[in-house]
Amino acid sequence: MSTLDDWTDAICAELGLDPKDVNQKTVLNLARVAAHSVDRPAAPLSAYVLGLAVGRGQPLVETAAKLQQLARGWRADHEPADTESADTESAGTESANTGSADR
């Protein structure tokens, strides 16, 4: 038995849940995809939201797959602002500030 299995058993016992109802692989795969595709803190948040959804009756595997698909497309849809244009704007601000200081 692994440390993760021991932890799963312990948290299930604490919450009165059956460890056989815990699908470690599904949850961990979602966490991995969220961490690598979105941002590291997205992993525990995604796992928590998955748990909420499943607790409200949504199927685990299908819901996890939806969230993984959303996470995989996240970076393409949510690229950070173009750093080149930000550098140009900041350089313009510095020039303007320097110019006003010379007057």
PDB file of N, CA and C in Angstrom:
ATOM      1  N   MET A   1       0.849  -1.184   0.000  1.00  0.00           N
ATOM      2  CA  MET A   1       0.000   0.000   0.000  1.00  0.00           C
ATOM      3  C   MET A   1       0.891   1.242   0.000  1.00  0.00           C
ATOM      4  N   SER A   2       0.526   2.246  -0.797  1.00  0.00           N
ATOM      5  CA  SER A   2       1.326   3.464  -0.906  1.00  0.00           C
ATOM      6  C   SER A   2       0.911   4.499   0.137  1.00  0.00           C
ATOM      7  N   THR A   3       1.723   5.523   0.266  1.00  0.00           N
ATOM      8  CA  THR A   3       1.397   6.628   1.158  1.00  0.00           C
ATOM      9  C   THR A   3       0.083   7.276   0.737  1.00  0.00           C
ATOM     10  N   LEU A   4      -0.105   7.403  -0.566  1.00  0.00           N
ATOM     11  CA  LEU A   4      -1.348   8.005  -1.067  1.00  0.00           C
ATOM     12  C   LEU A   4      -2.557   7.137  -0.707  1.00  0.00           C
ATOM     13  N   ASP A   5      -2.409   5.834  -0.804  1.00  0.00           N
ATOM     14  CA  ASP A   5      -3.498   4.931  -0.406  1.00  0.00           C
ATOM     15  C   ASP A   5      -3.790   5.059   1.084  1.00  0.00           C
ATOM     16  N   ASP A   6      -2.725   5.146   1.884  1.00  0.00           N
ATOM     17  CA  ASP A   6      -2.903   5.325   3.334  1.00  0.00           C
ATOM     18  C   ASP A   6      -3.624   6.642   3.628  1.00  0.00           C
ATOM     19  N   TRP A   7      -3.219   7.703   2.928  1.00  0.00           N
ATOM     20  CA  TRP A   7      -3.847   9.018   3.114  1.00  0.00           C
ATOM     21  C   TRP A   7      -5.315   8.965   2.699  1.00  0.00           C
ATOM     22  N   THR A   8      -5.592   8.319   1.574  1.00  0.00           N
ATOM     23  CA  THR A   8      -6.974   8.188   1.100  1.00  0.00           C
ATOM     24  C   THR A   8      -7.825   7.453   2.128  1.00  0.00           C
ATOM     25  N   ASP A   9      -7.299   6.368   2.661  1.00  0.00           N
ATOM     26  CA  ASP A   9      -8.020   5.617   3.686  1.00  0.00           C
ATOM     27  C   ASP A   9      -8.277   6.479   4.916  1.00  0.00           C
ATOM     28  N   ALA A  10      -7.274   7.234   5.336  1.00  0.00           N
ATOM     29  CA  ALA A  10      -7.404   8.068   6.541  1.00  0.00           C
ATOM     30  C   ALA A  10      -8.433   9.179   6.355  1.00  0.00           C
ATOM     31  N   ILE A  11      -8.377   9.859   5.214  1.00  0.00           N
ATOM     32  CA  ILE A  11      -9.336  10.966   5.031  1.00  0.00           C
ATOM     33  C   ILE A  11     -10.755  10.436   4.836  1.00  0.00           C
ATOM     34  N   CYS A  12     -10.871   9.287   4.203  1.00  0.00           N
ATOM     35  CA  CYS A  12     -12.197   8.690   4.046  1.00  0.00           C
ATOM     36  C   CYS A  12     -12.762   8.265   5.403  1.00  0.00           C
ATOM     37  N   ALA A  13     -11.913   7.673   6.233  1.00  0.00           N
ATOM     38  CA  ALA A  13     -12.350   7.276   7.569  1.00  0.00           C
ATOM     39  C   ALA A  13     -12.783   8.503   8.373  1.00  0.00           C
ATOM     40  N   GLU A  14     -12.017   9.573   8.259  1.00  0.00           N
ATOM     41  CA  GLU A  14     -12.331  10.808   8.987  1.00  0.00           C
ATOM     42  C   GLU A  14     -13.681  11.386   8.574  1.00  0.00           C
ATOM     43  N   LEU A  15     -14.011  11.252   7.289  1.00  0.00           N
ATOM     44  CA  LEU A  15     -15.245  11.846   6.761  1.00  0.00           C
ATOM     45  C   LEU A  15     -16.386  10.836   6.600  1.00  0.00           C
ATOM     46  N   GLY A  16     -16.147   9.581   7.018  1.00  0.00           N
ATOM     47  CA  GLY A  16     -17.190   8.570   6.920  1.00  0.00           C
ATOM     48  C   GLY A  16     -17.498   8.150   5.490  1.00  0.00           C
ATOM     49  N   LEU A  17     -16.479   8.155   4.640  1.00  0.00           N
ATOM     50  CA  LEU A  17     -16.642   7.766   3.240  1.00  0.00           C
ATOM     51  C   LEU A  17     -15.975   6.425   2.987  1.00  0.00           C
ATOM     52  N   ASP A  18     -16.416   5.767   1.924  1.00  0.00           N
ATOM     53  CA  ASP A  18     -15.826   4.496   1.531  1.00  0.00           C
ATOM     54  C   ASP A  18     -14.664   4.770   0.573  1.00  0.00           C
ATOM     55  N   PRO A  19     -13.440   4.353   0.919  1.00  0.00           N
ATOM     56  CA  PRO A  19     -12.291   4.590   0.030  1.00  0.00           C
ATOM     57  C   PRO A  19     -12.480   4.010  -1.366  1.00  0.00           C
ATOM     58  N   LYS A  20     -13.333   2.996  -1.502  1.00  0.00           N
ATOM     59  CA  LYS A  20     -13.593   2.411  -2.822  1.00  0.00           C
ATOM     60  C   LYS A  20     -14.324   3.395  -3.736  1.00  0.00           C
ATOM     61  N   ASP A  21     -14.947   4.431  -3.146  1.00  0.00           N
ATOM     62  CA  ASP A  21     -15.649   5.440  -3.943  1.00  0.00           C
ATOM     63  C   ASP A  21     -14.705   6.521  -4.461  1.00  0.00           C
ATOM     64  N   VAL A  22     -13.459   6.486  -4.007  1.00  0.00           N
ATOM     65  CA  VAL A  22     -12.482   7.503  -4.410  1.00  0.00           C
ATOM     66  C   VAL A  22     -11.739   6.999  -5.646  1.00  0.00           C
ATOM     67  N   ASN A  23     -11.826   7.768  -6.700  1.00  0.00           N
ATOM     68  CA  ASN A  23     -11.122   7.422  -7.934  1.00  0.00           C
ATOM     69  C   ASN A  23      -9.887   8.316  -8.010  1.00  0.00           C
ATOM     70  N   GLN A  24      -8.807   7.869  -7.370  1.00  0.00           N
ATOM     71  CA  GLN A  24      -7.576   8.665  -7.309  1.00  0.00           C
ATOM     72  C   GLN A  24      -7.088   9.065  -8.697  1.00  0.00           C
ATOM     73  N   LYS A  25      -7.065   8.135  -9.613  1.00  0.00           N
ATOM     74  CA  LYS A  25      -6.510   8.388 -10.939  1.00  0.00           C
ATOM     75  C   LYS A  25      -7.252   9.521 -11.647  1.00  0.00           C
ATOM     76  N   THR A  26      -8.569   9.524 -11.594  1.00  0.00           N
ATOM     77  CA  THR A  26      -9.361  10.566 -12.255  1.00  0.00           C
ATOM     78  C   THR A  26      -9.073  11.931 -11.655  1.00  0.00           C
ATOM     79  N   VAL A  27      -9.067  12.007 -10.337  1.00  0.00           N
ATOM     80  CA  VAL A  27      -8.837  13.288  -9.662  1.00  0.00           C
ATOM     81  C   VAL A  27      -7.406  13.774  -9.894  1.00  0.00           C
ATOM     82  N   LEU A  28      -6.442  12.866  -9.788  1.00  0.00           N
ATOM     83  CA  LEU A  28      -5.043  13.263  -9.979  1.00  0.00           C
ATOM     84  C   LEU A  28      -4.748  13.665 -11.426  1.00  0.00           C
ATOM     85  N   ASN A  29      -5.383  13.002 -12.378  1.00  0.00           N
ATOM     86  CA  ASN A  29      -5.204  13.404 -13.779  1.00  0.00           C
ATOM     87  C   ASN A  29      -5.759  14.798 -14.019  1.00  0.00           C
ATOM     88  N   LEU A  30      -6.922  15.092 -13.450  1.00  0.00           N
ATOM     89  CA  LEU A  30      -7.480  16.439 -13.573  1.00  0.00           C
ATOM     90  C   LEU A  30      -6.529  17.456 -12.952  1.00  0.00           C
ATOM     91  N   ALA A  31      -6.030  17.162 -11.772  1.00  0.00           N
ATOM     92  CA  ALA A  31      -5.118  18.086 -11.093  1.00  0.00           C
ATOM     93  C   ALA A  31      -3.856  18.320 -11.915  1.00  0.00           C
ATOM     94  N   ARG A  32      -3.323  17.273 -12.501  1.00  0.00           N
ATOM     95  CA  ARG A  32      -2.117  17.392 -13.329  1.00  0.00           C
ATOM     96  C   ARG A  32      -2.376  18.291 -14.537  1.00  0.00           C
ATOM     97  N   VAL A  33      -3.465  18.043 -15.239  1.00  0.00           N
ATOM     98  CA  VAL A  33      -3.780  18.835 -16.433  1.00  0.00           C
ATOM     99  C   VAL A  33      -4.018  20.299 -16.055  1.00  0.00           C
ATOM    100  N   ALA A  34      -4.749  20.529 -14.980  1.00  0.00           N
ATOM    101  CA  ALA A  34      -5.014  21.907 -14.550  1.00  0.00           C
ATOM    102  C   ALA A  34      -3.723  22.625 -14.159  1.00  0.00           C
ATOM    103  N   ALA A  35      -2.858  21.937 -13.439  1.00  0.00           N
ATOM    104  CA  ALA A  35      -1.599  22.549 -13.005  1.00  0.00           C
ATOM    105  C   ALA A  35      -0.708  22.900 -14.183  1.00  0.00           C
ATOM    106  N   HIS A  36      -0.647  22.038 -15.166  1.00  0.00           N
ATOM    107  CA  HIS A  36       0.254  22.256 -16.302  1.00  0.00           C
ATOM    108  C   HIS A  36      -0.350  23.138 -17.385  1.00  0.00           C
ATOM    109  N   SER A  37      -1.661  23.137 -17.516  1.00  0.00           N
ATOM    110  CA  SER A  37      -2.296  23.898 -18.593  1.00  0.00           C
ATOM    111  C   SER A  37      -2.780  25.273 -18.158  1.00  0.00           C
ATOM    112  N   VAL A  38      -3.130  25.416 -16.898  1.00  0.00           N
ATOM    113  CA  VAL A  38      -3.680  26.682 -16.409  1.00  0.00           C
ATOM    114  C   VAL A  38      -2.652  27.354 -15.505  1.00  0.00           C
ATOM    115  N   ASP A  39      -2.511  26.838 -14.296  1.00  0.00           N
ATOM    116  CA  ASP A  39      -1.593  27.389 -13.300  1.00  0.00           C
ATOM    117  C   ASP A  39      -1.572  26.392 -12.144  1.00  0.00           C
ATOM    118  N   ARG A  40      -0.470  26.312 -11.446  1.00  0.00           N
ATOM    119  CA  ARG A  40      -0.352  25.308 -10.376  1.00  0.00           C
ATOM    120  C   ARG A  40      -1.496  25.376  -9.364  1.00  0.00           C
ATOM    121  N   PRO A  41      -1.882  26.561  -8.897  1.00  0.00           N
ATOM    122  CA  PRO A  41      -2.992  26.602  -7.932  1.00  0.00           C
ATOM    123  C   PRO A  41      -4.333  26.142  -8.514  1.00  0.00           C
ATOM    124  N   ALA A  42      -4.419  26.019  -9.821  1.00  0.00           N
ATOM    125  CA  ALA A  42      -5.654  25.520 -10.425  1.00  0.00           C
ATOM    126  C   ALA A  42      -5.882  24.047 -10.101  1.00  0.00           C
ATOM    127  N   ALA A  43      -4.831  23.314  -9.739  1.00  0.00           N
ATOM    128  CA  ALA A  43      -4.961  21.883  -9.451  1.00  0.00           C
ATOM    129  C   ALA A  43      -5.876  21.616  -8.252  1.00  0.00           C
ATOM    130  N   PRO A  44      -5.571  22.153  -7.071  1.00  0.00           N
ATOM    131  CA  PRO A  44      -6.468  21.857  -5.947  1.00  0.00           C
ATOM    132  C   PRO A  44      -7.842  22.492  -6.119  1.00  0.00           C
ATOM    133  N   LEU A  45      -7.891  23.656  -6.732  1.00  0.00           N
ATOM    134  CA  LEU A  45      -9.186  24.302  -6.953  1.00  0.00           C
ATOM    135  C   LEU A  45     -10.057  23.459  -7.879  1.00  0.00           C
ATOM    136  N   SER A  46      -9.465  22.947  -8.940  1.00  0.00           N
ATOM    137  CA  SER A  46     -10.211  22.099  -9.884  1.00  0.00           C
ATOM    138  C   SER A  46     -10.704  20.829  -9.204  1.00  0.00           C
ATOM    139  N   ALA A  47      -9.850  20.238  -8.379  1.00  0.00           N
ATOM    140  CA  ALA A  47     -10.253  19.024  -7.661  1.00  0.00           C
ATOM    141  C   ALA A  47     -11.411  19.317  -6.709  1.00  0.00           C
ATOM    142  N   TYR A  48     -11.355  20.458  -6.061  1.00  0.00           N
ATOM    143  CA  TYR A  48     -12.433  20.846  -5.137  1.00  0.00           C
ATOM    144  C   TYR A  48     -13.743  21.060  -5.891  1.00  0.00           C
ATOM    145  N   VAL A  49     -13.674  21.798  -6.997  1.00  0.00           N
ATOM    146  CA  VAL A  49     -14.881  22.060  -7.785  1.00  0.00           C
ATOM    147  C   VAL A  49     -15.441  20.760  -8.362  1.00  0.00           C
ATOM    148  N   LEU A  50     -14.559  19.862  -8.775  1.00  0.00           N
ATOM    149  CA  LEU A  50     -15.002  18.544  -9.234  1.00  0.00           C
ATOM    150  C   LEU A  50     -15.778  17.847  -8.117  1.00  0.00           C
ATOM    151  N   GLY A  51     -15.249  17.901  -6.910  1.00  0.00           N
ATOM    152  CA  GLY A  51     -15.932  17.283  -5.770  1.00  0.00           C
ATOM    153  C   GLY A  51     -17.294  17.901  -5.512  1.00  0.00           C
ATOM    154  N   LEU A  52     -17.382  19.218  -5.632  1.00  0.00           N
ATOM    155  CA  LEU A  52     -18.679  19.876  -5.468  1.00  0.00           C
ATOM    156  C   LEU A  52     -19.670  19.383  -6.515  1.00  0.00           C
ATOM    157  N   ALA A  53     -19.218  19.336  -7.759  1.00  0.00           N
ATOM    158  CA  ALA A  53     -20.095  18.916  -8.848  1.00  0.00           C
ATOM    159  C   ALA A  53     -20.571  17.473  -8.651  1.00  0.00           C
ATOM    160  N   VAL A  54     -19.643  16.600  -8.280  1.00  0.00           N
ATOM    161  CA  VAL A  54     -19.999  15.189  -8.070  1.00  0.00           C
ATOM    162  C   VAL A  54     -20.940  15.067  -6.870  1.00  0.00           C
ATOM    163  N   GLY A  55     -20.682  15.841  -5.838  1.00  0.00           N
ATOM    164  CA  GLY A  55     -21.559  15.831  -4.665  1.00  0.00           C
ATOM    165  C   GLY A  55     -22.966  16.300  -4.979  1.00  0.00           C
ATOM    166  N   ARG A  56     -23.098  17.063  -6.037  1.00  0.00           N
ATOM    167  CA  ARG A  56     -24.413  17.552  -6.454  1.00  0.00           C
ATOM    168  C   ARG A  56     -25.020  16.710  -7.572  1.00  0.00           C
ATOM    169  N   GLY A  57     -24.401  15.535  -7.800  1.00  0.00           N
ATOM    170  CA  GLY A  57     -25.019  14.581  -8.699  1.00  0.00           C
ATOM    171  C   GLY A  57     -24.417  14.429 -10.082  1.00  0.00           C
ATOM    172  N   GLN A  58     -23.401  15.221 -10.426  1.00  0.00           N
ATOM    173  CA  GLN A  58     -22.782  15.064 -11.739  1.00  0.00           C
ATOM    174  C   GLN A  58     -21.850  13.844 -11.719  1.00  0.00           C
ATOM    175  N   PRO A  59     -21.759  13.131 -12.830  1.00  0.00           N
ATOM    176  CA  PRO A  59     -20.910  11.934 -12.868  1.00  0.00           C
ATOM    177  C   PRO A  59     -19.426  12.297 -12.834  1.00  0.00           C
ATOM    178  N   LEU A  60     -18.661  11.582 -12.035  1.00  0.00           N
ATOM    179  CA  LEU A  60     -17.249  11.871 -11.816  1.00  0.00           C
ATOM    180  C   LEU A  60     -16.435  11.883 -13.101  1.00  0.00           C
ATOM    181  N   VAL A  61     -16.415  10.787 -13.809  1.00  0.00           N
ATOM    182  CA  VAL A  61     -15.517  10.643 -14.955  1.00  0.00           C
ATOM    183  C   VAL A  61     -15.859  11.660 -16.045  1.00  0.00           C
ATOM    184  N   GLU A  62     -17.132  11.812 -16.359  1.00  0.00           N
ATOM    185  CA  GLU A  62     -17.534  12.743 -17.407  1.00  0.00           C
ATOM    186  C   GLU A  62     -17.257  14.196 -17.012  1.00  0.00           C
ATOM    187  N   THR A  63     -17.488  14.517 -15.749  1.00  0.00           N
ATOM    188  CA  THR A  63     -17.262  15.882 -15.275  1.00  0.00           C
ATOM    189  C   THR A  63     -15.764  16.200 -15.257  1.00  0.00           C
ATOM    190  N   ALA A  64     -14.951  15.246 -14.823  1.00  0.00           N
ATOM    191  CA  ALA A  64     -13.502  15.432 -14.839  1.00  0.00           C
ATOM    192  C   ALA A  64     -13.005  15.618 -16.268  1.00  0.00           C
ATOM    193  N   ALA A  65     -13.563  14.862 -17.203  1.00  0.00           N
ATOM    194  CA  ALA A  65     -13.167  14.995 -18.609  1.00  0.00           C
ATOM    195  C   ALA A  65     -13.519  16.377 -19.147  1.00  0.00           C
ATOM    196  N   LYS A  66     -14.685  16.908 -18.770  1.00  0.00           N
ATOM    197  CA  LYS A  66     -15.075  18.269 -19.190  1.00  0.00           C
ATOM    198  C   LYS A  66     -14.087  19.298 -18.664  1.00  0.00           C
ATOM    199  N   LEU A  67     -13.724  19.159 -17.395  1.00  0.00           N
ATOM    200  CA  LEU A  67     -12.792  20.115 -16.798  1.00  0.00           C
ATOM    201  C   LEU A  67     -11.400  19.991 -17.404  1.00  0.00           C
ATOM    202  N   GLN A  68     -10.973  18.769 -17.710  1.00  0.00           N
ATOM    203  CA  GLN A  68      -9.677  18.583 -18.373  1.00  0.00           C
ATOM    204  C   GLN A  68      -9.682  19.237 -19.752  1.00  0.00           C
ATOM    205  N   GLN A  69     -10.760  19.078 -20.485  1.00  0.00           N
ATOM    206  CA  GLN A  69     -10.863  19.685 -21.810  1.00  0.00           C
ATOM    207  C   GLN A  69     -10.816  21.211 -21.694  1.00  0.00           C
ATOM    208  N   LEU A  70     -11.513  21.755 -20.720  1.00  0.00           N
ATOM    209  CA  LEU A  70     -11.487  23.200 -20.491  1.00  0.00           C
ATOM    210  C   LEU A  70     -10.071  23.661 -20.163  1.00  0.00           C
ATOM    211  N   ALA A  71      -9.392  22.926 -19.293  1.00  0.00           N
ATOM    212  CA  ALA A  71      -8.030  23.292 -18.893  1.00  0.00           C
ATOM    213  C   ALA A  71      -7.061  23.211 -20.071  1.00  0.00           C
ATOM    214  N   ARG A  72      -7.190  22.184 -20.892  1.00  0.00           N
ATOM    215  CA  ARG A  72      -6.280  22.039 -22.033  1.00  0.00           C
ATOM    216  C   ARG A  72      -6.421  23.191 -23.025  1.00  0.00           C
ATOM    217  N   GLY A  73      -7.604  23.737 -23.160  1.00  0.00           N
ATOM    218  CA  GLY A  73      -7.810  24.855 -24.071  1.00  0.00           C
ATOM    219  C   GLY A  73      -7.599  26.210 -23.427  1.00  0.00           C
ATOM    220  N   TRP A  74      -7.362  26.227 -22.144  1.00  0.00           N
ATOM    221  CA  TRP A  74      -7.286  27.487 -21.404  1.00  0.00           C
ATOM    222  C   TRP A  74      -6.167  28.395 -21.881  1.00  0.00           C
ATOM    223  N   ARG A  75      -4.971  27.881 -22.028  1.00  0.00           N
ATOM    224  CA  ARG A  75      -3.820  28.704 -22.375  1.00  0.00           C
ATOM    225  C   ARG A  75      -4.032  29.392 -23.724  1.00  0.00           C
ATOM    226  N   ALA A  76      -4.563  28.668 -24.688  1.00  0.00           N
ATOM    227  CA  ALA A  76      -4.789  29.244 -26.020  1.00  0.00           C
ATOM    228  C   ALA A  76      -5.824  30.366 -25.958  1.00  0.00           C
ATOM    229  N   ASP A  77      -6.820  30.218 -25.096  1.00  0.00           N
ATOM    230  CA  ASP A  77      -7.873  31.223 -24.998  1.00  0.00           C
ATOM    231  C   ASP A  77      -7.508  32.376 -24.067  1.00  0.00           C
ATOM    232  N   HIS A  78      -6.529  32.193 -23.209  1.00  0.00           N
ATOM    233  CA  HIS A  78      -6.227  33.177 -22.170  1.00  0.00           C
ATOM    234  C   HIS A  78      -4.734  33.499 -22.112  1.00  0.00           C
ATOM    235  N   GLU A  79      -4.149  33.761 -23.258  1.00  0.00           N
ATOM    236  CA  GLU A  79      -2.732  34.137 -23.297  1.00  0.00           C
ATOM    237  C   GLU A  79      -2.551  35.463 -22.574  1.00  0.00           C
ATOM    238  N   PRO A  80      -1.438  35.635 -21.861  1.00  0.00           N
ATOM    239  CA  PRO A  80      -1.177  36.923 -21.220  1.00  0.00           C
ATOM    240  C   PRO A  80      -0.990  38.004 -22.270  1.00  0.00           C
ATOM    241  N   ALA A  81      -1.143  39.237 -21.865  1.00  0.00           N
ATOM    242  CA  ALA A  81      -0.990  40.353 -22.781  1.00  0.00           C
ATOM    243  C   ALA A  81       0.380  40.310 -23.451  1.00  0.00           C
ATOM    244  N   ASP A  82       0.450  40.793 -24.659  1.00  0.00           N
ATOM    245  CA  ASP A  82       1.689  40.811 -25.430  1.00  0.00           C
ATOM    246  C   ASP A  82       2.729  41.631 -24.677  1.00  0.00           C
ATOM    247  N   THR A  83       3.845  41.000 -24.313  1.00  0.00           N
ATOM    248  CA  THR A  83       4.863  41.685 -23.523  1.00  0.00           C
ATOM    249  C   THR A  83       5.564  42.763 -24.334  1.00  0.00           C
ATOM    250  N   GLU A  84       5.641  42.603 -25.652  1.00  0.00           N
ATOM    251  CA  GLU A  84       6.305  43.610 -26.479  1.00  0.00           C
ATOM    252  C   GLU A  84       5.545  44.929 -26.422  1.00  0.00           C
ATOM    253  N   SER A  85       4.221  44.878 -26.532  1.00  0.00           N
ATOM    254  CA  SER A  85       3.452  46.118 -26.481  1.00  0.00           C
ATOM    255  C   SER A  85       3.510  46.717 -25.086  1.00  0.00           C
ATOM    256  N   ALA A  86       3.561  45.890 -24.057  1.00  0.00           N
ATOM    257  CA  ALA A  86       3.681  46.401 -22.689  1.00  0.00           C
ATOM    258  C   ALA A  86       5.028  47.083 -22.500  1.00  0.00           C
ATOM    259  N   ASP A  87       6.110  46.509 -23.080  1.00  0.00           N
ATOM    260  CA  ASP A  87       7.428  47.118 -22.983  1.00  0.00           C
ATOM    261  C   ASP A  87       7.452  48.454 -23.701  1.00  0.00           C
ATOM    262  N   THR A  88       6.810  48.536 -24.855  1.00  0.00           N
ATOM    263  CA  THR A  88       6.761  49.774 -25.618  1.00  0.00           C
ATOM    264  C   THR A  88       6.019  50.841 -24.834  1.00  0.00           C
ATOM    265  N   GLU A  89       4.888  50.468 -24.232  1.00  0.00           N
ATOM    266  CA  GLU A  89       4.118  51.434 -23.447  1.00  0.00           C
ATOM    267  C   GLU A  89       4.925  51.921 -22.257  1.00  0.00           C
ATOM    268  N   SER A  90       5.619  51.012 -21.572  1.00  0.00           N
ATOM    269  CA  SER A  90       6.385  51.412 -20.405  1.00  0.00           C
ATOM    270  C   SER A  90       7.567  52.274 -20.814  1.00  0.00           C
ATOM    271  N   ALA A  91       8.181  52.008 -21.963  1.00  0.00           N
ATOM    272  CA  ALA A  91       9.282  52.836 -22.448  1.00  0.00           C
ATOM    273  C   ALA A  91       8.778  54.235 -22.771  1.00  0.00           C
ATOM    274  N   GLY A  92       7.591  54.324 -23.331  1.00  0.00           N
ATOM    275  CA  GLY A  92       7.006  55.631 -23.634  1.00  0.00           C
ATOM    276  C   GLY A  92       6.732  56.420 -22.369  1.00  0.00           C
ATOM    277  N   THR A  93       6.282  55.738 -21.332  1.00  0.00           N
ATOM    278  CA  THR A  93       6.027  56.393 -20.050  1.00  0.00           C
ATOM    279  C   THR A  93       7.325  56.900 -19.456  1.00  0.00           C
ATOM    280  N   GLU A  94       8.385  56.082 -19.542  1.00  0.00           N
ATOM    281  CA  GLU A  94       9.671  56.504 -19.003  1.00  0.00           C
ATOM    282  C   GLU A  94      10.194  57.709 -19.754  1.00  0.00           C
ATOM    283  N   SER A  95      10.042  57.736 -21.086  1.00  0.00           N
ATOM    284  CA  SER A  95      10.497  58.871 -21.880  1.00  0.00           C
ATOM    285  C   SER A  95       9.726  60.122 -21.504  1.00  0.00           C
ATOM    286  N   ALA A  96       8.425  59.954 -21.320  1.00  0.00           N
ATOM    287  CA  ALA A  96       7.607  61.095 -20.966  1.00  0.00           C
ATOM    288  C   ALA A  96       8.001  61.616 -19.590  1.00  0.00           C
ATOM    289  N   ASN A  97       8.244  60.718 -18.655  1.00  0.00           N
ATOM    290  CA  ASN A  97       8.644  61.119 -17.309  1.00  0.00           C
ATOM    291  C   ASN A  97      10.009  61.794 -17.334  1.00  0.00           C
ATOM    292  N   THR A  98      10.939  61.263 -18.118  1.00  0.00           N
ATOM    293  CA  THR A  98      12.266  61.841 -18.214  1.00  0.00           C
ATOM    294  C   THR A  98      12.193  63.226 -18.835  1.00  0.00           C
ATOM    295  N   GLY A  99      11.384  63.345 -19.890  1.00  0.00           N
ATOM    296  CA  GLY A  99      11.241  64.636 -20.565  1.00  0.00           C
ATOM    297  C   GLY A  99      10.682  65.694 -19.644  1.00  0.00           C
ATOM    298  N   SER A 100       9.700  65.342 -18.816  1.00  0.00           N
ATOM    299  CA  SER A 100       9.104  66.331 -17.933  1.00  0.00           C
ATOM    300  C   SER A 100      10.060  66.709 -16.812  1.00  0.00           C
ATOM    301  N   ALA A 101      10.952  65.819 -16.434  1.00  0.00           N
ATOM    302  CA  ALA A 101      11.917  66.113 -15.382  1.00  0.00           C
ATOM    303  C   ALA A 101      12.972  67.090 -15.887  1.00  0.00           C
ATOM    304  N   ASP A 102      13.260  67.070 -17.214  1.00  0.00           N
ATOM    305  CA  ASP A 102      14.271  67.953 -17.774  1.00  0.00           C
ATOM    306  C   ASP A 102      13.775  69.395 -17.906  1.00  0.00           C
ATOM    307  N   ARG A 103      12.485  69.592 -17.917  1.00  0.00           N
ATOM    308  CA  ARG A 103      11.943  70.933 -18.126  1.00  0.00           C
ATOM    309  C   ARG A 103      12.096  71.802 -16.950  1.00  0.00           C
TER     310      ARG A 103
END
